[in-house]
Amino acid sequence: MEHSRAQRVCYFDLLGSNVDARGKPWRGTQNVFVSHSWGTPFVNLLDTIEAFQADRVGEQYYYIDLFCLNQHNLAELEGRVLLYDANAAANKAEQEEVAAILLETLDRAVATARCTLVAINAYDGAAPLARIWCLYEIWRASSVFEKPTIMGFPLHEARRFKQAVN
């Protein structure tokens, strides 16, 4: 976050409108919302996206909160919530305001996606399915926005799952 801190923007905003060697833009309107747990190895998230991408035709642009959500603004909002938790009764209206901002941010991201990819780190210990925010993202995407939900695994984990059920 060091590079984005000075400008108080997310990494996505730092990419600009550059293209890769094939002429494909580095960024575009996201069409896959990724729900994942921050407590799992980042490489598992990348492996899950790579496996998902291998089965798809056409350009995919992924909404990954670590890069697309302005973490600086989020840190400020979370700071407000943490401060207000100490005196919740007196600051309920402000907590509700912060919650509404976070929900609006989530809804904007989910609304433009064609689907939600849930990055399952391990079939026998799926961290996103044990995290209330991930479950909320999945519920919101499928129930409110009627987006299909796809459970994705890193390839090594899909193989492990296949061995376990055979």
Foldseek 3Di string as FASTA:
>chain_A
DVVCVVVLAFQLVVQPFDADPVRHTPADQAAEEEQEDPPDDVVFVVLQVVVVVVPDDDDHHYDDCNGHPRVSVVVVLVVVVVVCVVVVVVCVVVVVVSVVVVVVVLCVSLQRYQAYEYRQEAPVCRVLVVDPVSVVSNCCNCPVNVHYYHYTGRPVRVVVVVVVVD
